[in-house]
Amino acid sequence: MMTMNRGGYDPLQNKVQSILNGSLQRTDFSIEGIPMLCYNGEVDRDLSSFPAVSLHLAGGADIVLDTHSMFRQVNGVALCMAVAPADNVEGMTIIGAFAQQSYN
């Protein structure tokens, strides 16, 4: 899972909600005790038209996250954004292995 400082997380969460709230139903779900942004649905079926997300990193680097890097299927009936706020890591953004799975 990726953790992101609030300055990046909050706008990302708001944008994801603006895209999905009209088409999918929110559901409560936590991963390792962290409340996640989750919806009832299946990643492959319900997010096929979700746009790629570009993260602009310090030093001019960019990383583009496709649907499978941005979301996790969690219990067969729910999908969650695979990004959590970095409240417990002093505001650092940590790009996890799940988000990097398409990069070599």
C-alpha atoms as a PDB file:
ATOM      1  CA  MET A   1       0.000   0.000   0.000  1.00  0.00           C
ATOM      2  CA  MET A   2       1.159   3.522  -0.730  1.00  0.00           C
ATOM      3  CA  THR A   3       1.111   6.177   1.973  1.00  0.00           C
ATOM      4  CA  MET A   4       0.892   9.802   0.927  1.00  0.00           C
ATOM      5  CA  ASN A   5       1.201  13.058   2.819  1.00  0.00           C
ATOM      6  CA  ARG A   6      -2.077  14.879   3.373  1.00  0.00           C
ATOM      7  CA  GLY A   7      -1.182  17.578   0.831  1.00  0.00           C
ATOM      8  CA  GLY A   8      -1.322  14.941  -1.896  1.00  0.00           C
ATOM      9  CA  TYR A   9      -3.718  12.430  -0.369  1.00  0.00           C
ATOM     10  CA  ASP A  10      -6.678  14.714   0.262  1.00  0.00           C
ATOM     11  CA  PRO A  11      -6.918  16.061  -3.332  1.00  0.00           C
ATOM     12  CA  LEU A  12      -6.423  12.526  -4.713  1.00  0.00           C
ATOM     13  CA  GLN A  13      -9.146  11.099  -2.471  1.00  0.00           C
ATOM     14  CA  ASN A  14     -11.506  13.940  -3.402  1.00  0.00           C
ATOM     15  CA  LYS A  15     -10.917  13.350  -7.125  1.00  0.00           C
ATOM     16  CA  VAL A  16     -11.438   9.586  -6.838  1.00  0.00           C
ATOM     17  CA  GLN A  17     -14.658  10.198  -4.907  1.00  0.00           C
ATOM     18  CA  SER A  18     -15.893  12.655  -7.540  1.00  0.00           C
ATOM     19  CA  ILE A  19     -15.328  10.014 -10.235  1.00  0.00           C
ATOM     20  CA  LEU A  20     -16.762   6.989  -8.397  1.00  0.00           C
ATOM     21  CA  ASN A  21     -19.497   8.304  -6.105  1.00  0.00           C
ATOM     22  CA  GLY A  22     -22.058   8.477  -8.909  1.00  0.00           C
ATOM     23  CA  SER A  23     -21.491   4.920 -10.083  1.00  0.00           C
ATOM     24  CA  LEU A  24     -20.416   2.800  -7.088  1.00  0.00           C
ATOM     25  CA  GLN A  25     -21.680   2.520  -3.514  1.00  0.00           C
ATOM     26  CA  ARG A  26     -19.255   3.381  -0.697  1.00  0.00           C
ATOM     27  CA  THR A  27     -18.538   0.706   1.882  1.00  0.00           C
ATOM     28  CA  ASP A  28     -16.607   0.733   5.160  1.00  0.00           C
ATOM     29  CA  PHE A  29     -13.385  -1.245   5.188  1.00  0.00           C
ATOM     30  CA  SER A  30     -10.071  -1.007   7.026  1.00  0.00           C
ATOM     31  CA  ILE A  31      -6.695  -2.469   6.135  1.00  0.00           C
ATOM     32  CA  GLU A  32      -4.395  -2.992   9.115  1.00  0.00           C
ATOM     33  CA  GLY A  33      -6.649  -0.704  11.152  1.00  0.00           C
ATOM     34  CA  ILE A  34      -6.508   2.152   8.634  1.00  0.00           C
ATOM     35  CA  PRO A  35      -9.901   3.263   7.257  1.00  0.00           C
ATOM     36  CA  MET A  36      -9.734   3.079   3.473  1.00  0.00           C
ATOM     37  CA  LEU A  37     -11.697   4.662   0.621  1.00  0.00           C
ATOM     38  CA  CYS A  38     -13.687   1.618  -0.523  1.00  0.00           C
ATOM     39  CA  TYR A  39     -16.619   0.801  -2.760  1.00  0.00           C
ATOM     40  CA  ASN A  40     -18.733  -2.257  -3.474  1.00  0.00           C
ATOM     41  CA  GLY A  41     -17.529  -3.645  -6.781  1.00  0.00           C
ATOM     42  CA  GLU A  42     -14.810  -5.449  -8.701  1.00  0.00           C
ATOM     43  CA  VAL A  43     -11.677  -3.743  -9.993  1.00  0.00           C
ATOM     44  CA  ASP A  44     -11.695  -5.441 -13.408  1.00  0.00           C
ATOM     45  CA  ARG A  45     -15.411  -5.018 -14.019  1.00  0.00           C
ATOM     46  CA  ASP A  46     -16.226  -1.657 -12.448  1.00  0.00           C
ATOM     47  CA  LEU A  47     -13.046   0.350 -13.005  1.00  0.00           C
ATOM     48  CA  SER A  48     -12.298  -0.513 -16.640  1.00  0.00           C
ATOM     49  CA  SER A  49     -12.682   3.134 -17.673  1.00  0.00           C
ATOM     50  CA  PHE A  50     -11.000   4.689 -14.620  1.00  0.00           C
ATOM     51  CA  PRO A  51      -8.274   7.096 -15.793  1.00  0.00           C
ATOM     52  CA  ALA A  52      -4.576   6.557 -15.083  1.00  0.00           C
ATOM     53  CA  VAL A  53      -3.253   8.639 -12.188  1.00  0.00           C
ATOM     54  CA  SER A  54       0.008  10.557 -12.618  1.00  0.00           C
ATOM     55  CA  LEU A  55       2.043  11.378  -9.534  1.00  0.00           C
ATOM     56  CA  HIS A  56       4.526  14.206 -10.013  1.00  0.00           C
ATOM     57  CA  LEU A  57       7.479  13.613  -7.709  1.00  0.00           C
ATOM     58  CA  ALA A  58      10.297  15.850  -6.550  1.00  0.00           C
ATOM     59  CA  GLY A  59      13.102  16.255  -9.047  1.00  0.00           C
ATOM     60  CA  GLY A  60      10.753  16.089 -12.017  1.00  0.00           C
ATOM     61  CA  ALA A  61      10.080  12.354 -11.859  1.00  0.00           C
ATOM     62  CA  ASP A  62       6.601  11.055 -12.653  1.00  0.00           C
ATOM     63  CA  ILE A  63       4.961   7.732 -11.933  1.00  0.00           C
ATOM     64  CA  VAL A  64       1.746   6.712 -13.683  1.00  0.00           C
ATOM     65  CA  LEU A  65      -0.565   4.387 -11.782  1.00  0.00           C
ATOM     66  CA  ASP A  66      -3.018   2.229 -13.682  1.00  0.00           C
ATOM     67  CA  THR A  67      -6.194   0.851 -12.136  1.00  0.00           C
ATOM     68  CA  HIS A  68      -4.448  -2.221 -10.710  1.00  0.00           C
ATOM     69  CA  SER A  69      -1.819  -0.036  -9.050  1.00  0.00           C
ATOM     70  CA  MET A  70      -4.390   2.383  -7.602  1.00  0.00           C
ATOM     71  CA  PHE A  71      -6.973  -0.104  -6.293  1.00  0.00           C
ATOM     72  CA  ARG A  72      -7.044  -3.454  -4.483  1.00  0.00           C
ATOM     73  CA  GLN A  73      -9.783  -6.050  -4.535  1.00  0.00           C
ATOM     74  CA  VAL A  74     -10.183  -6.733  -0.832  1.00  0.00           C
ATOM     75  CA  ASN A  75     -12.832  -9.343  -0.131  1.00  0.00           C
ATOM     76  CA  GLY A  76     -14.418 -10.414  -3.373  1.00  0.00           C
ATOM     77  CA  VAL A  77     -17.115  -7.756  -3.197  1.00  0.00           C
ATOM     78  CA  ALA A  78     -15.227  -4.554  -2.367  1.00  0.00           C
ATOM     79  CA  LEU A  79     -12.414  -2.556  -3.912  1.00  0.00           C
ATOM     80  CA  CYS A  80     -10.297   0.003  -2.072  1.00  0.00           C
ATOM     81  CA  MET A  81      -7.989   2.782  -3.149  1.00  0.00           C
ATOM     82  CA  ALA A  82      -4.511   1.418  -2.348  1.00  0.00           C
ATOM     83  CA  VAL A  83      -3.381   4.744  -0.893  1.00  0.00           C
ATOM     84  CA  ALA A  84      -3.599   5.791   2.746  1.00  0.00           C
ATOM     85  CA  PRO A  85      -2.871   9.112   4.434  1.00  0.00           C
ATOM     86  CA  ALA A  86       0.628   9.304   5.914  1.00  0.00           C
ATOM     87  CA  ASP A  87      -0.459  10.621   9.289  1.00  0.00           C
ATOM     88  CA  ASN A  88       1.860   8.227  11.114  1.00  0.00           C
ATOM     89  CA  VAL A  89       5.044   8.672   9.038  1.00  0.00           C
ATOM     90  CA  GLU A  90       5.689  12.400   9.472  1.00  0.00           C
ATOM     91  CA  GLY A  91       4.031  13.413   6.217  1.00  0.00           C
ATOM     92  CA  MET A  92       6.288  11.385   3.940  1.00  0.00           C
ATOM     93  CA  THR A  93       4.961   9.754   0.797  1.00  0.00           C
ATOM     94  CA  ILE A  94       5.999   6.116   0.488  1.00  0.00           C
ATOM     95  CA  ILE A  95       5.319   4.410  -2.837  1.00  0.00           C
ATOM     96  CA  GLY A  96       4.740   0.759  -2.010  1.00  0.00           C
ATOM     97  CA  ALA A  97       5.472  -2.327  -4.082  1.00  0.00           C
ATOM     98  CA  PHE A  98       1.833  -2.612  -5.155  1.00  0.00           C
ATOM     99  CA  ALA A  99       2.009   0.803  -6.854  1.00  0.00           C
ATOM    100  CA  GLN A 100       5.348  -0.057  -8.474  1.00  0.00           C
ATOM    101  CA  GLN A 101       4.308  -3.441  -9.871  1.00  0.00           C
ATOM    102  CA  SER A 102       4.358  -2.264 -13.508  1.00  0.00           C
ATOM    103  CA  TYR A 103       7.785  -0.612 -13.290  1.00  0.00           C
ATOM    104  CA  ASN A 104      11.200  -2.237 -13.687  1.00  0.00           C
END
